Amino acid sequence: MRLDANLSTMTSDEPRRDDHMRTMGIESDRFPTASFASTADLVVRPEAGSASARALVRGELTLHGVTRTVDVPVQARYDGSRIEVAAA
């Protein structure tokens, strides 16, 4: 699984803050994309009698031109026909 985020479209309620983030903070003018690529299969084992579960997804997060290995907590739920996965 791979997720890409376009950071150049990020905005807040403060234009000066937005300008700072584009040019000095995360420098989205220079590094417009952040990405996460999982490096292992997601294995979800629901607790007995439950349709939902929690798991960690290990992957490579690239932000500001730097890549690090991270573990992202996710929640998964089976609704009878599909699996929904949410992460923050």
PDB file of N, CA and C in Angstrom:
ATOM      1  N   MET A   1       0.846  -1.160   0.000  1.00  0.00           N
ATOM      2  CA  MET A   1       0.000   0.000   0.000  1.00  0.00           C
ATOM      3  C   MET A   1       0.897   1.229   0.000  1.00  0.00           C
ATOM      4  N   ARG A   2       0.522   2.203  -0.812  1.00  0.00           N
ATOM      5  CA  ARG A   2       1.250   3.460  -0.860  1.00  0.00           C
ATOM      6  C   ARG A   2       0.246   4.606  -0.848  1.00  0.00           C
ATOM      7  N   LEU A   3       0.519   5.605  -0.020  1.00  0.00           N
ATOM      8  CA  LEU A   3      -0.301   6.808   0.058  1.00  0.00           C
ATOM      9  C   LEU A   3       0.586   8.018  -0.199  1.00  0.00           C
ATOM     10  N   ASP A   4       0.114   8.923  -1.034  1.00  0.00           N
ATOM     11  CA  ASP A   4       0.824  10.172  -1.296  1.00  0.00           C
ATOM     12  C   ASP A   4      -0.072  11.331  -0.918  1.00  0.00           C
ATOM     13  N   ALA A   5       0.508  12.371  -0.323  1.00  0.00           N
ATOM     14  CA  ALA A   5      -0.243  13.563   0.057  1.00  0.00           C
ATOM     15  C   ALA A   5       0.387  14.779  -0.603  1.00  0.00           C
ATOM     16  N   ASN A   6      -0.451  15.595  -1.231  1.00  0.00           N
ATOM     17  CA  ASN A   6      -0.001  16.823  -1.860  1.00  0.00           C
ATOM     18  C   ASN A   6       0.041  17.919  -0.795  1.00  0.00           C
ATOM     19  N   LEU A   7       1.216  18.232  -0.280  1.00  0.00           N
ATOM     20  CA  LEU A   7       1.353  19.215   0.786  1.00  0.00           C
ATOM     21  C   LEU A   7       1.230  20.641   0.287  1.00  0.00           C
ATOM     22  N   SER A   8       1.371  20.846  -1.014  1.00  0.00           N
ATOM     23  CA  SER A   8       1.311  22.210  -1.556  1.00  0.00           C
ATOM     24  C   SER A   8      -0.091  22.800  -1.461  1.00  0.00           C
ATOM     25  N   THR A   9      -1.087  21.998  -1.184  1.00  0.00           N
ATOM     26  CA  THR A   9      -2.458  22.504  -1.083  1.00  0.00           C
ATOM     27  C   THR A   9      -2.884  22.754   0.372  1.00  0.00           C
ATOM     28  N   MET A  10      -1.997  22.499   1.334  1.00  0.00           N
ATOM     29  CA  MET A  10      -2.339  22.718   2.739  1.00  0.00           C
ATOM     30  C   MET A  10      -2.558  24.202   3.014  1.00  0.00           C
ATOM     31  N   THR A  11      -3.610  24.494   3.748  1.00  0.00           N
ATOM     32  CA  THR A  11      -3.874  25.864   4.179  1.00  0.00           C
ATOM     33  C   THR A  11      -4.405  25.842   5.605  1.00  0.00           C
ATOM     34  N   SER A  12      -4.314  26.989   6.238  1.00  0.00           N
ATOM     35  CA  SER A  12      -4.858  27.147   7.583  1.00  0.00           C
ATOM     36  C   SER A  12      -5.721  28.406   7.590  1.00  0.00           C
ATOM     37  N   ASP A  13      -6.040  28.888   8.761  1.00  0.00           N
ATOM     38  CA  ASP A  13      -6.832  30.114   8.865  1.00  0.00           C
ATOM     39  C   ASP A  13      -5.955  31.366   8.906  1.00  0.00           C
ATOM     40  N   GLU A  14      -4.654  31.189   8.676  1.00  0.00           N
ATOM     41  CA  GLU A  14      -3.716  32.305   8.772  1.00  0.00           C
ATOM     42  C   GLU A  14      -2.769  32.308   7.568  1.00  0.00           C
ATOM     43  N   PRO A  15      -2.954  33.217   6.605  1.00  0.00           N
ATOM     44  CA  PRO A  15      -2.101  33.248   5.409  1.00  0.00           C
ATOM     45  C   PRO A  15      -0.604  33.370   5.711  1.00  0.00           C
ATOM     46  N   ARG A  16      -0.235  34.119   6.766  1.00  0.00           N
ATOM     47  CA  ARG A  16       1.202  34.234   7.099  1.00  0.00           C
ATOM     48  C   ARG A  16       1.764  32.884   7.527  1.00  0.00           C
ATOM     49  N   ARG A  17       0.987  32.107   8.273  1.00  0.00           N
ATOM     50  CA  ARG A  17       1.416  30.768   8.682  1.00  0.00           C
ATOM     51  C   ARG A  17       1.590  29.891   7.445  1.00  0.00           C
ATOM     52  N   ASP A  18       0.647  29.977   6.514  1.00  0.00           N
ATOM     53  CA  ASP A  18       0.724  29.181   5.289  1.00  0.00           C
ATOM     54  C   ASP A  18       1.989  29.514   4.514  1.00  0.00           C
ATOM     55  N   ASP A  19       2.303  30.802   4.391  1.00  0.00           N
ATOM     56  CA  ASP A  19       3.508  31.224   3.678  1.00  0.00           C
ATOM     57  C   ASP A  19       4.759  30.679   4.373  1.00  0.00           C
ATOM     58  N   HIS A  20       4.778  30.741   5.693  1.00  0.00           N
ATOM     59  CA  HIS A  20       5.916  30.227   6.464  1.00  0.00           C
ATOM     60  C   HIS A  20       6.096  28.719   6.237  1.00  0.00           C
ATOM     61  N   MET A  21       5.008  27.967   6.233  1.00  0.00           N
ATOM     62  CA  MET A  21       5.103  26.521   6.020  1.00  0.00           C
ATOM     63  C   MET A  21       5.584  26.192   4.607  1.00  0.00           C
ATOM     64  N   ARG A  22       5.177  26.986   3.628  1.00  0.00           N
ATOM     65  CA  ARG A  22       5.602  26.737   2.244  1.00  0.00           C
ATOM     66  C   ARG A  22       7.079  27.033   2.034  1.00  0.00           C
ATOM     67  N   THR A  23       7.602  28.064   2.735  1.00  0.00           N
ATOM     68  CA  THR A  23       8.967  28.507   2.454  1.00  0.00           C
ATOM     69  C   THR A  23       9.988  28.142   3.524  1.00  0.00           C
ATOM     70  N   MET A  24       9.562  27.943   4.780  1.00  0.00           N
ATOM     71  CA  MET A  24      10.526  27.691   5.851  1.00  0.00           C
ATOM     72  C   MET A  24      10.207  26.446   6.678  1.00  0.00           C
ATOM     73  N   GLY A  25       8.953  26.209   6.997  1.00  0.00           N
ATOM     74  CA  GLY A  25       8.571  25.079   7.852  1.00  0.00           C
ATOM     75  C   GLY A  25       8.869  23.749   7.190  1.00  0.00           C
ATOM     76  N   ILE A  26       7.870  23.173   6.582  1.00  0.00           N
ATOM     77  CA  ILE A  26       8.085  21.903   5.878  1.00  0.00           C
ATOM     78  C   ILE A  26       8.510  22.130   4.437  1.00  0.00           C
ATOM     79  N   GLU A  27       8.624  23.408   4.052  1.00  0.00           N
ATOM     80  CA  GLU A  27       9.089  23.787   2.712  1.00  0.00           C
ATOM     81  C   GLU A  27       8.333  23.048   1.613  1.00  0.00           C
ATOM     82  N   SER A  28       7.018  23.170   1.663  1.00  0.00           N
ATOM     83  CA  SER A  28       6.203  22.466   0.664  1.00  0.00           C
ATOM     84  C   SER A  28       6.439  22.998  -0.751  1.00  0.00           C
ATOM     85  N   ASP A  29       7.027  24.196  -0.890  1.00  0.00           N
ATOM     86  CA  ASP A  29       7.422  24.649  -2.226  1.00  0.00           C
ATOM     87  C   ASP A  29       8.528  23.757  -2.791  1.00  0.00           C
ATOM     88  N   ARG A  30       9.451  23.316  -1.934  1.00  0.00           N
ATOM     89  CA  ARG A  30      10.557  22.441  -2.362  1.00  0.00           C
ATOM     90  C   ARG A  30      10.192  20.966  -2.288  1.00  0.00           C
ATOM     91  N   PHE A  31       9.362  20.591  -1.308  1.00  0.00           N
ATOM     92  CA  PHE A  31       8.990  19.192  -1.071  1.00  0.00           C
ATOM     93  C   PHE A  31       7.466  19.097  -1.064  1.00  0.00           C
ATOM     94  N   PRO A  32       6.832  19.145  -2.231  1.00  0.00           N
ATOM     95  CA  PRO A  32       5.371  19.229  -2.287  1.00  0.00           C
ATOM     96  C   PRO A  32       4.629  17.934  -1.937  1.00  0.00           C
ATOM     97  N   THR A  33       5.351  16.818  -1.846  1.00  0.00           N
ATOM     98  CA  THR A  33       4.677  15.541  -1.607  1.00  0.00           C
ATOM     99  C   THR A  33       5.249  14.838  -0.385  1.00  0.00           C
ATOM    100  N   ALA A  34       4.356  14.296   0.431  1.00  0.00           N
ATOM    101  CA  ALA A  34       4.734  13.377   1.505  1.00  0.00           C
ATOM    102  C   ALA A  34       4.180  12.017   1.110  1.00  0.00           C
ATOM    103  N   SER A  35       4.869  10.946   1.494  1.00  0.00           N
ATOM    104  CA  SER A  35       4.380   9.618   1.115  1.00  0.00           C
ATOM    105  C   SER A  35       4.606   8.617   2.237  1.00  0.00           C
ATOM    106  N   PHE A  36       3.760   7.611   2.230  1.00  0.00           N
ATOM    107  CA  PHE A  36       3.905   6.470   3.136  1.00  0.00           C
ATOM    108  C   PHE A  36       3.753   5.217   2.299  1.00  0.00           C
ATOM    109  N   ALA A  37       4.705   4.306   2.422  1.00  0.00           N
ATOM    110  CA  ALA A  37       4.640   3.024   1.712  1.00  0.00           C
ATOM    111  C   ALA A  37       4.826   1.914   2.735  1.00  0.00           C
ATOM    112  N   SER A  38       3.820   1.065   2.865  1.00  0.00           N
ATOM    113  CA  SER A  38       3.931  -0.039   3.819  1.00  0.00           C
ATOM    114  C   SER A  38       5.008  -1.015   3.348  1.00  0.00           C
ATOM    115  N   THR A  39       5.707  -1.577   4.303  1.00  0.00           N
ATOM    116  CA  THR A  39       6.778  -2.525   3.987  1.00  0.00           C
ATOM    117  C   THR A  39       6.443  -3.936   4.444  1.00  0.00           C
ATOM    118  N   ALA A  40       5.252  -4.113   4.974  1.00  0.00           N
ATOM    119  CA  ALA A  40       4.812  -5.440   5.429  1.00  0.00           C
ATOM    120  C   ALA A  40       3.319  -5.564   5.194  1.00  0.00           C
ATOM    121  N   ASP A  41       2.854  -6.784   5.054  1.00  0.00           N
ATOM    122  CA  ASP A  41       1.423  -7.022   4.897  1.00  0.00           C
ATOM    123  C   ASP A  41       0.690  -6.650   6.180  1.00  0.00           C
ATOM    124  N   LEU A  42      -0.501  -6.122   6.018  1.00  0.00           N
ATOM    125  CA  LEU A  42      -1.345  -5.823   7.166  1.00  0.00           C
ATOM    126  C   LEU A  42      -2.078  -7.090   7.565  1.00  0.00           C
ATOM    127  N   VAL A  43      -1.843  -7.537   8.778  1.00  0.00           N
ATOM    128  CA  VAL A  43      -2.519  -8.721   9.299  1.00  0.00           C
ATOM    129  C   VAL A  43      -3.393  -8.257  10.455  1.00  0.00           C
ATOM    130  N   VAL A  44      -4.691  -8.425  10.290  1.00  0.00           N
ATOM    131  CA  VAL A  44      -5.648  -7.988  11.312  1.00  0.00           C
ATOM    132  C   VAL A  44      -6.349  -9.210  11.864  1.00  0.00           C
ATOM    133  N   ARG A  45      -6.287  -9.356  13.164  1.00  0.00           N
ATOM    134  CA  ARG A  45      -6.960 -10.465  13.839  1.00  0.00           C
ATOM    135  C   ARG A  45      -7.932  -9.885  14.852  1.00  0.00           C
ATOM    136  N   PRO A  46      -9.218  -9.850  14.508  1.00  0.00           N
ATOM    137  CA  PRO A  46     -10.203  -9.303  15.446  1.00  0.00           C
ATOM    138  C   PRO A  46     -10.273 -10.123  16.726  1.00  0.00           C
ATOM    139  N   GLU A  47     -10.617  -9.439  17.794  1.00  0.00           N
ATOM    140  CA  GLU A  47     -10.840 -10.147  19.045  1.00  0.00           C
ATOM    141  C   GLU A  47     -12.082 -11.014  18.897  1.00  0.00           C
ATOM    142  N   ALA A  48     -12.145 -12.077  19.644  1.00  0.00           N
ATOM    143  CA  ALA A  48     -13.281 -12.998  19.564  1.00  0.00           C
ATOM    144  C   ALA A  48     -14.594 -12.242  19.741  1.00  0.00           C
ATOM    145  N   GLY A  49     -15.546 -12.502  18.841  1.00  0.00           N
ATOM    146  CA  GLY A  49     -16.860 -11.892  18.921  1.00  0.00           C
ATOM    147  C   GLY A  49     -16.917 -10.456  18.452  1.00  0.00           C
ATOM    148  N   SER A  50     -15.831  -9.946  17.866  1.00  0.00           N
ATOM    149  CA  SER A  50     -15.797  -8.562  17.426  1.00  0.00           C
ATOM    150  C   SER A  50     -15.563  -8.474  15.923  1.00  0.00           C
ATOM    151  N   ALA A  51     -16.091  -7.437  15.295  1.00  0.00           N
ATOM    152  CA  ALA A  51     -15.867  -7.211  13.861  1.00  0.00           C
ATOM    153  C   ALA A  51     -14.784  -6.169  13.636  1.00  0.00           C
ATOM    154  N   SER A  52     -14.151  -5.687  14.725  1.00  0.00           N
ATOM    155  CA  SER A  52     -13.111  -4.674  14.572  1.00  0.00           C
ATOM    156  C   SER A  52     -11.841  -5.084  15.293  1.00  0.00           C
ATOM    157  N   ALA A  53     -10.745  -4.458  14.888  1.00  0.00           N
ATOM    158  CA  ALA A  53      -9.445  -4.779  15.474  1.00  0.00           C
ATOM    159  C   ALA A  53      -8.510  -3.587  15.316  1.00  0.00           C
ATOM    160  N   ARG A  54      -7.457  -3.597  16.084  1.00  0.00           N
ATOM    161  CA  ARG A  54      -6.386  -2.595  15.994  1.00  0.00           C
ATOM    162  C   ARG A  54      -5.109  -3.303  15.563  1.00  0.00           C
ATOM    163  N   ALA A  55      -4.272  -2.578  14.826  1.00  0.00           N
ATOM    164  CA  ALA A  55      -3.008  -3.162  14.373  1.00  0.00           C
ATOM    165  C   ALA A  55      -2.011  -2.044  14.132  1.00  0.00           C
ATOM    166  N   LEU A  56      -0.753  -2.406  13.916  1.00  0.00           N
ATOM    167  CA  LEU A  56       0.288  -1.471  13.515  1.00  0.00           C
ATOM    168  C   LEU A  56       0.722  -1.808  12.099  1.00  0.00           C
ATOM    169  N   VAL A  57       0.886  -0.787  11.271  1.00  0.00           N
ATOM    170  CA  VAL A  57       1.383  -0.978   9.915  1.00  0.00           C
ATOM    171  C   VAL A  57       2.769  -0.355   9.858  1.00  0.00           C
ATOM    172  N   ARG A  58       3.766  -1.146   9.557  1.00  0.00           N
ATOM    173  CA  ARG A  58       5.137  -0.650   9.429  1.00  0.00           C
ATOM    174  C   ARG A  58       5.358  -0.205   7.994  1.00  0.00           C
ATOM    175  N   GLY A  59       6.042   0.935   7.857  1.00  0.00           N
ATOM    176  CA  GLY A  59       6.313   1.423   6.515  1.00  0.00           C
ATOM    177  C   GLY A  59       7.338   2.530   6.510  1.00  0.00           C
ATOM    178  N   GLU A  60       7.561   3.061   5.329  1.00  0.00           N
ATOM    179  CA  GLU A  60       8.522   4.134   5.123  1.00  0.00           C
ATOM    180  C   GLU A  60       7.755   5.440   4.897  1.00  0.00           C
ATOM    181  N   LEU A  61       7.972   6.419   5.786  1.00  0.00           N
ATOM    182  CA  LEU A  61       7.361   7.732   5.673  1.00  0.00           C
ATOM    183  C   LEU A  61       8.401   8.697   5.128  1.00  0.00           C
ATOM    184  N   THR A  62       8.065   9.371   4.036  1.00  0.00           N
ATOM    185  CA  THR A  62       8.960  10.376   3.468  1.00  0.00           C
ATOM    186  C   THR A  62       8.309  11.740   3.605  1.00  0.00           C
ATOM    187  N   LEU A  63       8.992  12.629   4.313  1.00  0.00           N
ATOM    188  CA  LEU A  63       8.512  13.980   4.565  1.00  0.00           C
ATOM    189  C   LEU A  63       9.708  14.907   4.531  1.00  0.00           C
ATOM    190  N   HIS A  64       9.590  15.997   3.805  1.00  0.00           N
ATOM    191  CA  HIS A  64      10.665  16.989   3.715  1.00  0.00           C
ATOM    192  C   HIS A  64      11.945  16.368   3.168  1.00  0.00           C
ATOM    193  N   GLY A  65      11.786  15.396   2.266  1.00  0.00           N
ATOM    194  CA  GLY A  65      12.930  14.767   1.626  1.00  0.00           C
ATOM    195  C   GLY A  65      13.660  13.742   2.474  1.00  0.00           C
ATOM    196  N   VAL A  66      13.120  13.412   3.645  1.00  0.00           N
ATOM    197  CA  VAL A  66      13.750  12.457   4.557  1.00  0.00           C
ATOM    198  C   VAL A  66      12.813  11.264   4.726  1.00  0.00           C
ATOM    199  N   THR A  67      13.377  10.055   4.640  1.00  0.00           N
ATOM    200  CA  THR A  67      12.582   8.831   4.795  1.00  0.00           C
ATOM    201  C   THR A  67      12.962   8.141   6.099  1.00  0.00           C
ATOM    202  N   ARG A  68      11.948   7.761   6.850  1.00  0.00           N
ATOM    203  CA  ARG A  68      12.143   7.045   8.124  1.00  0.00           C
ATOM    204  C   ARG A  68      11.164   5.877   8.181  1.00  0.00           C
ATOM    205  N   THR A  69      11.559   4.837   8.899  1.00  0.00           N
ATOM    206  CA  THR A  69      10.667   3.716   9.160  1.00  0.00           C
ATOM    207  C   THR A  69       9.774   4.092  10.342  1.00  0.00           C
ATOM    208  N   VAL A  70       8.466   3.909  10.171  1.00  0.00           N
ATOM    209  CA  VAL A  70       7.508   4.240  11.224  1.00  0.00           C
ATOM    210  C   VAL A  70       6.485   3.122  11.362  1.00  0.00           C
ATOM    211  N   ASP A  71       5.864   3.054  12.520  1.00  0.00           N
ATOM    212  CA  ASP A  71       4.737   2.159  12.768  1.00  0.00           C
ATOM    213  C   ASP A  71       3.497   3.024  12.943  1.00  0.00           C
ATOM    214  N   VAL A  72       2.494   2.808  12.100  1.00  0.00           N
ATOM    215  CA  VAL A  72       1.274   3.607  12.125  1.00  0.00           C
ATOM    216  C   VAL A  72       0.149   2.763  12.724  1.00  0.00           C
ATOM    217  N   PRO A  73      -0.470   3.240  13.813  1.00  0.00           N
ATOM    218  CA  PRO A  73      -1.607   2.505  14.368  1.00  0.00           C
ATOM    219  C   PRO A  73      -2.827   2.648  13.462  1.00  0.00           C
ATOM    220  N   VAL A  74      -3.509   1.551  13.216  1.00  0.00           N
ATOM    221  CA  VAL A  74      -4.714   1.556  12.387  1.00  0.00           C
ATOM    222  C   VAL A  74      -5.835   0.818  13.104  1.00  0.00           C
ATOM    223  N   GLN A  75      -7.048   1.139  12.706  1.00  0.00           N
ATOM    224  CA  GLN A  75      -8.218   0.414  13.160  1.00  0.00           C
ATOM    225  C   GLN A  75      -8.854  -0.201  11.929  1.00  0.00           C
ATOM    226  N   ALA A  76      -9.279  -1.436  12.045  1.00  0.00           N
ATOM    227  CA  ALA A  76      -9.928  -2.126  10.930  1.00  0.00           C
ATOM    228  C   ALA A  76     -11.283  -2.643  11.394  1.00  0.00           C
ATOM    229  N   ARG A  77     -12.233  -2.648  10.452  1.00  0.00           N
ATOM    230  CA  ARG A  77     -13.571  -3.127  10.767  1.00  0.00           C
ATOM    231  C   ARG A  77     -14.111  -3.878   9.552  1.00  0.00           C
ATOM    232  N   TYR A  78     -14.681  -5.041   9.806  1.00  0.00           N
ATOM    233  CA  TYR A  78     -15.297  -5.844   8.753  1.00  0.00           C
ATOM    234  C   TYR A  78     -16.797  -5.635   8.830  1.00  0.00           C
ATOM    235  N   ASP A  79     -17.420  -5.181   7.724  1.00  0.00           N
ATOM    236  CA  ASP A  79     -18.848  -4.894   7.748  1.00  0.00           C
ATOM    237  C   ASP A  79     -19.687  -5.980   7.077  1.00  0.00           C
ATOM    238  N   GLY A  80     -19.094  -7.125   6.830  1.00  0.00           N
ATOM    239  CA  GLY A  80     -19.811  -8.224   6.212  1.00  0.00           C
ATOM    240  C   GLY A  80     -19.474  -8.424   4.748  1.00  0.00           C
ATOM    241  N   SER A  81     -19.015  -7.346   4.094  1.00  0.00           N
ATOM    242  CA  SER A  81     -18.647  -7.472   2.680  1.00  0.00           C
ATOM    243  C   SER A  81     -17.312  -6.825   2.341  1.00  0.00           C
ATOM    244  N   ARG A  82     -16.820  -5.977   3.229  1.00  0.00           N
ATOM    245  CA  ARG A  82     -15.538  -5.322   2.962  1.00  0.00           C
ATOM    246  C   ARG A  82     -14.860  -4.989   4.291  1.00  0.00           C
ATOM    247  N   ILE A  83     -13.564  -4.703   4.208  1.00  0.00           N
ATOM    248  CA  ILE A  83     -12.792  -4.295   5.373  1.00  0.00           C
ATOM    249  C   ILE A  83     -12.486  -2.823   5.238  1.00  0.00           C
ATOM    250  N   GLU A  84     -12.822  -2.046   6.241  1.00  0.00           N
ATOM    251  CA  GLU A  84     -12.520  -0.619   6.281  1.00  0.00           C
ATOM    252  C   GLU A  84     -11.339  -0.419   7.220  1.00  0.00           C
ATOM    253  N   VAL A  85     -10.335   0.325   6.773  1.00  0.00           N
ATOM    254  CA  VAL A  85      -9.158   0.597   7.592  1.00  0.00           C
ATOM    255  C   VAL A  85      -9.003   2.102   7.728  1.00  0.00           C
ATOM    256  N   ALA A  86      -8.783   2.576   8.959  1.00  0.00           N
ATOM    257  CA  ALA A  86      -8.592   4.008   9.217  1.00  0.00           C
ATOM    258  C   ALA A  86      -7.322   4.208  10.023  1.00  0.00           C
ATOM    259  N   ALA A  87      -6.576   5.250   9.676  1.00  0.00           N
ATOM    260  CA  ALA A  87      -5.344   5.598  10.387  1.00  0.00           C
ATOM    261  C   ALA A  87      -5.273   7.098  10.537  1.00  0.00           C
ATOM    262  N   ALA A  88      -4.499   7.545  11.510  1.00  0.00           N
ATOM    263  CA  ALA A  88      -4.300   8.994  11.698  1.00  0.00           C
ATOM    264  C   ALA A  88      -2.831   9.264  11.902  1.00  0.00           C
TER     265      ALA A  88
END
